[in-house]
Structures are given as structure tokens and as C-alpha cells.
């Protein structure tokens, strides 16, 4: 049975519909920031909220909602978690073997200038990690390296997040591009070329932004 989603359902208001659609995100943030719940518990709470909103407000058939949930879980498990787990394994291996300290010290010896350290680690090195792992891994690794060089945790995380804006579309071996092409029905190469043109401009702006920060 086909089902077509009506995006404006709460009193005919776009703003009201957006507020209702944000309920799962609000639940997720509340569980993480206020209740200090573990990640998987917060994610399950957000998932339940999304299912309730989809069925109760947008009148999505229960069977279709459950099928969409299982499809999303399967998609997240294989292309996404598979990449993240292997990336974390490689990172842990480099830490245990001492190679991570060698990489960090090598980058630190190049210059004492905090701006150049941020460019080398938060921008250049995290771009490499973004292409191989993605999904937050480069920010976590780059922030840890910056903190090890003397950056405060807040500044290290902030600079790493700013620097990671340029390469993120091609992260995890291009998964965001593949997903964008699949949901839009556009050709992957067309989406990739357009994103490449846009991000090349960002790649010029972000280093300046990092230095200013």
C-alpha cells in the first residue's frame, strides 16, 4: 500500500510541523546532555520518539514505520558502523603500539605556532582521516592530538569541528555523496562534481577561519 508523506500536518503550519519533527532530536539531546545517559540508551529513546511522531502525527502505517526502522538500522550497521569500527580499531592499535605518539610528536616538532599546528592537525590530518573513516572520527582524533599539544579541550574540539567542514561530504569513502545521490535520484558523479566545486571554495575559507579562531 503506497503512502505519501504530508510535510505540513500540524495546523497547516510549517513552523509547527518542524517543531513536532524536532521532538526525536530534543529527546536525544535531553538524554545525552541532561540525563547523561549512555549513547545507545539515548539513541533508542530518540528512535522511539521518532516512531511515535511518525505514526501518531504523520499517520505513517505501523508496518511501514517498522520496516523503515529496520532498513535504516541495516544501512547504518554495514556501510557506516563497519567503517567506524575498523577506523577505531586502527586508532587504538596506533595508540597501544606507541605510533600515535610518534605521529603527534612529529607534527608538533614542525612548528610551535598554534595556528600552523591547528592547520596541520585539525585541517590537513583530519581531512585524511575523514576520507578513510568519517562520522566524527577525524574530529575526535584531531581534538585529542590538539589537547595533547596543549590546547584546552574546548578549543581543541572547536577548532577540529571548524576544520572538518570542508571534507565532510566525501567522508567515509564518499558515503554522504552516495546517500545524497540515492535519495535524490541524481547521478552520483553529478552530485560529486557539484559538491567538489562547492567544497573547493570552502577549503580556501576554512584554513583562514581556523587561524582566526
Protein backbone atom coordinates (compact mmCIF):
# COMPACT_ATOMS: atom_id res chain seq x y z
CA UNK A 1 0.00 0.00 0.00
CA UNK A 2 1.63 3.31 -1.09
CA UNK A 3 1.93 6.08 1.47
CA UNK A 4 2.77 9.69 0.64
CA UNK A 5 4.03 11.86 3.49
CA UNK A 6 2.36 15.21 4.06
CA UNK A 7 5.06 17.52 5.35
CA UNK A 8 2.69 20.16 6.75
CA UNK A 9 0.24 18.49 9.11
CA UNK A 10 0.25 20.39 12.42
CA UNK A 11 -2.42 23.06 12.00
CA UNK A 12 -1.26 23.71 8.44
CA UNK A 13 1.85 25.41 9.84
CA UNK A 14 5.36 24.76 8.59
CA UNK A 15 6.85 26.02 11.85
CA UNK A 16 4.54 23.80 13.94
CA UNK A 17 5.35 20.78 11.82
CA UNK A 18 9.08 21.48 12.13
CA UNK A 19 8.77 21.74 15.92
CA UNK A 20 6.95 18.40 16.10
CA UNK A 21 9.51 16.80 13.76
CA UNK A 22 12.27 18.03 16.10
CA UNK A 23 10.88 16.02 19.04
CA UNK A 24 13.19 13.00 18.45
CA UNK A 25 16.23 15.32 18.36
CA UNK A 26 15.08 17.08 21.53
CA UNK A 27 14.71 13.70 23.24
CA UNK A 28 18.19 12.70 22.09
CA UNK A 29 19.81 15.92 23.33
CA UNK A 30 17.90 15.74 26.61
CA UNK A 31 19.04 12.18 27.27
CA UNK A 32 22.66 12.98 26.42
CA UNK A 33 23.08 16.47 27.90
CA UNK A 34 20.65 16.47 30.84
CA UNK A 35 20.19 12.86 31.88
CA UNK A 36 23.79 11.94 30.97
CA UNK A 37 22.52 8.66 29.52
CA UNK A 38 24.72 6.31 27.55
CA UNK A 39 24.78 6.75 23.81
CA UNK A 40 22.81 3.66 22.88
CA UNK A 41 20.13 4.42 25.50
CA UNK A 42 19.73 7.98 24.20
CA UNK A 43 19.59 6.70 20.62
CA UNK A 44 16.85 4.19 21.48
CA UNK A 45 14.83 6.91 23.23
CA UNK A 46 15.14 9.14 20.16
CA UNK A 47 14.14 6.25 17.91
CA UNK A 48 11.00 5.57 19.96
CA UNK A 49 10.15 9.27 19.79
CA UNK A 50 10.59 9.25 16.01
CA UNK A 51 8.33 6.21 15.62
CA UNK A 52 5.61 7.75 17.81
CA UNK A 53 5.71 11.04 15.88
CA UNK A 54 5.69 9.27 12.50
CA UNK A 55 2.71 7.07 13.36
CA UNK A 56 0.68 9.46 15.53
CA UNK A 57 1.25 12.76 13.71
CA UNK A 58 2.13 11.89 10.12
CA UNK A 59 -0.13 8.82 10.06
CA UNK A 60 2.59 6.53 8.77
CA UNK A 61 1.44 2.88 8.69
CA UNK A 62 2.92 0.96 11.61
CA UNK A 63 4.26 -1.81 9.39
CA UNK A 64 5.94 0.68 7.09
CA UNK A 65 7.42 2.54 10.08
CA UNK A 66 8.90 -0.66 11.48
CA UNK A 67 10.24 -1.63 8.04
CA UNK A 68 11.85 1.80 7.60
CA UNK A 69 13.45 1.46 11.04
CA UNK A 70 14.91 -1.94 10.22
CA UNK A 71 16.14 -0.70 6.84
CA UNK A 72 17.82 2.28 8.48
CA UNK A 73 19.41 0.05 11.11
CA UNK A 74 20.76 -2.29 8.44
CA UNK A 75 22.12 0.62 6.40
CA UNK A 76 23.78 2.08 9.48
CA UNK A 77 25.23 -1.25 10.55
CA UNK A 78 27.03 -2.22 7.36
CA UNK A 79 28.28 0.85 5.44
CA UNK A 80 28.63 3.15 8.49
CA UNK A 81 29.43 1.09 11.59
CA UNK A 82 31.67 -1.21 9.55
CA UNK A 83 33.87 1.75 8.57
CA UNK A 84 33.84 3.37 12.02
CA UNK A 85 34.72 0.14 13.87
CA UNK A 86 37.72 -0.54 11.64
CA UNK A 87 38.87 3.09 11.95
CA UNK A 88 38.63 2.98 15.75
CA UNK A 89 40.49 -0.34 15.72
CA UNK A 90 43.33 1.19 13.70
CA UNK A 91 43.40 4.20 16.04
CA UNK A 92 43.53 2.02 19.16
CA UNK A 93 46.26 -0.08 17.58
CA UNK A 94 48.39 3.00 16.88
CA UNK A 95 47.86 4.22 20.47
CA UNK A 96 48.78 0.87 22.04
CA UNK A 97 51.84 0.45 19.83
CA UNK A 98 53.06 3.99 20.52
CA UNK A 99 52.83 5.03 16.88
CA UNK A 100 50.18 7.65 17.70
CA UNK A 101 52.64 9.50 19.97
CA UNK A 102 55.23 9.39 17.20
CA UNK A 103 52.77 10.94 14.74
CA UNK A 104 51.75 13.60 17.26
CA UNK A 105 55.33 14.44 18.21
CA UNK A 106 56.38 14.59 14.56
CA UNK A 107 53.66 17.10 13.78
CA UNK A 108 54.45 19.07 16.93
CA UNK A 109 58.16 19.34 16.03
CA UNK A 110 57.38 21.03 12.72
CA UNK A 111 56.34 24.28 14.41
CA UNK A 112 55.47 25.84 17.75
CA UNK A 113 52.94 28.18 16.13
CA UNK A 114 49.47 27.21 17.35
CA UNK A 115 47.89 28.33 14.08
CA UNK A 116 50.10 26.07 11.99
CA UNK A 117 49.60 23.20 14.43
CA UNK A 118 45.84 23.63 14.03
CA UNK A 119 46.15 23.68 10.24
CA UNK A 120 48.37 20.61 10.10
CA UNK A 121 46.35 18.52 12.56
CA UNK A 122 42.77 19.85 12.61
CA UNK A 123 42.61 20.57 8.87
CA UNK A 124 45.14 18.55 6.88
CA UNK A 125 45.43 15.42 9.04
CA UNK A 126 41.70 15.29 9.84
CA UNK A 127 40.90 15.58 6.10
CA UNK A 128 42.87 12.37 5.58
CA UNK A 129 41.04 10.65 8.45
CA UNK A 130 37.72 11.96 7.13
CA UNK A 131 38.27 10.28 3.80
CA UNK A 132 39.07 6.93 5.37
CA UNK A 133 36.72 6.90 8.36
CA UNK A 134 34.37 9.88 8.68
CA UNK A 135 31.35 10.00 11.01
CA UNK A 136 33.02 12.09 13.72
CA UNK A 137 36.19 10.01 13.92
CA UNK A 138 38.52 12.72 12.49
CA UNK A 139 37.19 15.33 14.93
CA UNK A 140 37.76 13.03 17.89
CA UNK A 141 41.29 12.10 16.83
CA UNK A 142 42.31 15.64 15.83
CA UNK A 143 40.88 17.11 19.04
CA UNK A 144 42.77 14.54 21.13
CA UNK A 145 46.01 15.42 19.35
CA UNK A 146 45.47 19.16 19.83
CA UNK A 147 44.75 18.66 23.52
CA UNK A 148 47.96 16.64 23.76
CA UNK A 149 49.82 19.63 22.30
CA UNK A 150 48.46 21.98 24.95
CA UNK A 151 45.14 23.17 23.55
CA UNK A 152 42.30 23.31 26.06
CA UNK A 153 39.67 20.59 25.42
CA UNK A 154 37.04 23.17 24.41
CA UNK A 155 39.34 24.94 21.96
CA UNK A 156 40.71 21.68 20.61
CA UNK A 157 37.24 20.32 19.89
CA UNK A 158 36.03 23.65 18.49
CA UNK A 159 38.95 24.05 16.09
CA UNK A 160 38.66 20.41 14.99
CA UNK A 161 34.94 20.86 14.26
CA UNK A 162 35.54 24.05 12.27
CA UNK A 163 38.33 22.47 10.23
CA UNK A 164 36.23 19.40 9.44
CA UNK A 165 33.57 21.33 7.50
CA UNK A 166 35.38 21.19 4.16
CA UNK A 167 35.98 17.44 3.56
CA UNK A 168 32.92 16.01 5.28
CA UNK A 169 30.86 15.43 2.11
CA UNK A 170 33.48 12.97 0.85
CA UNK A 171 33.96 11.31 4.24
CA UNK A 172 33.98 7.56 4.77
CA UNK A 173 34.96 6.82 1.18
CA UNK A 174 32.19 9.06 -0.17
CA UNK A 175 29.21 7.62 1.73
CA UNK A 176 27.46 11.04 2.07
CA UNK A 177 27.69 11.54 -1.70
CA UNK A 178 26.33 8.06 -2.36
CA UNK A 179 23.42 8.60 0.05
CA UNK A 180 22.63 12.05 -1.39
CA UNK A 181 22.53 10.60 -4.89
CA UNK A 182 20.33 7.67 -3.87
CA UNK A 183 17.70 9.75 -2.02
CA UNK A 184 17.58 12.46 -4.69
CA UNK A 185 17.65 10.17 -7.70
CA UNK A 186 20.54 12.13 -9.22
CA UNK A 187 23.64 10.66 -10.78
CA UNK A 188 26.43 10.05 -8.27
CA UNK A 189 29.05 11.69 -10.48
CA UNK A 190 26.85 14.78 -10.90
CA UNK A 191 26.38 15.13 -7.14
CA UNK A 192 30.08 14.52 -6.58
CA UNK A 193 31.17 17.14 -9.11
CA UNK A 194 28.80 19.78 -7.70
CA UNK A 195 29.94 19.05 -4.14
CA UNK A 196 33.55 19.22 -5.29
CA UNK A 197 33.04 22.68 -6.78
CA UNK A 198 31.37 23.97 -3.64
CA UNK A 199 33.82 22.42 -1.19
CA UNK A 200 36.85 23.72 -3.08
CA UNK A 201 35.73 27.23 -2.10
CA UNK A 202 35.19 26.11 1.49
CA UNK A 203 38.68 24.61 1.50
CA UNK A 204 40.04 28.10 0.85
CA UNK A 205 37.95 29.75 3.56
CA UNK A 206 38.24 27.16 6.36
CA UNK A 207 42.04 27.46 6.90
CA UNK A 208 41.65 31.23 7.37
CA UNK A 209 38.76 30.60 9.75
CA UNK A 210 40.87 28.14 11.74
CA UNK A 211 43.75 30.62 12.01
CA UNK A 212 41.42 33.38 13.20
CA UNK A 213 39.86 31.05 15.78
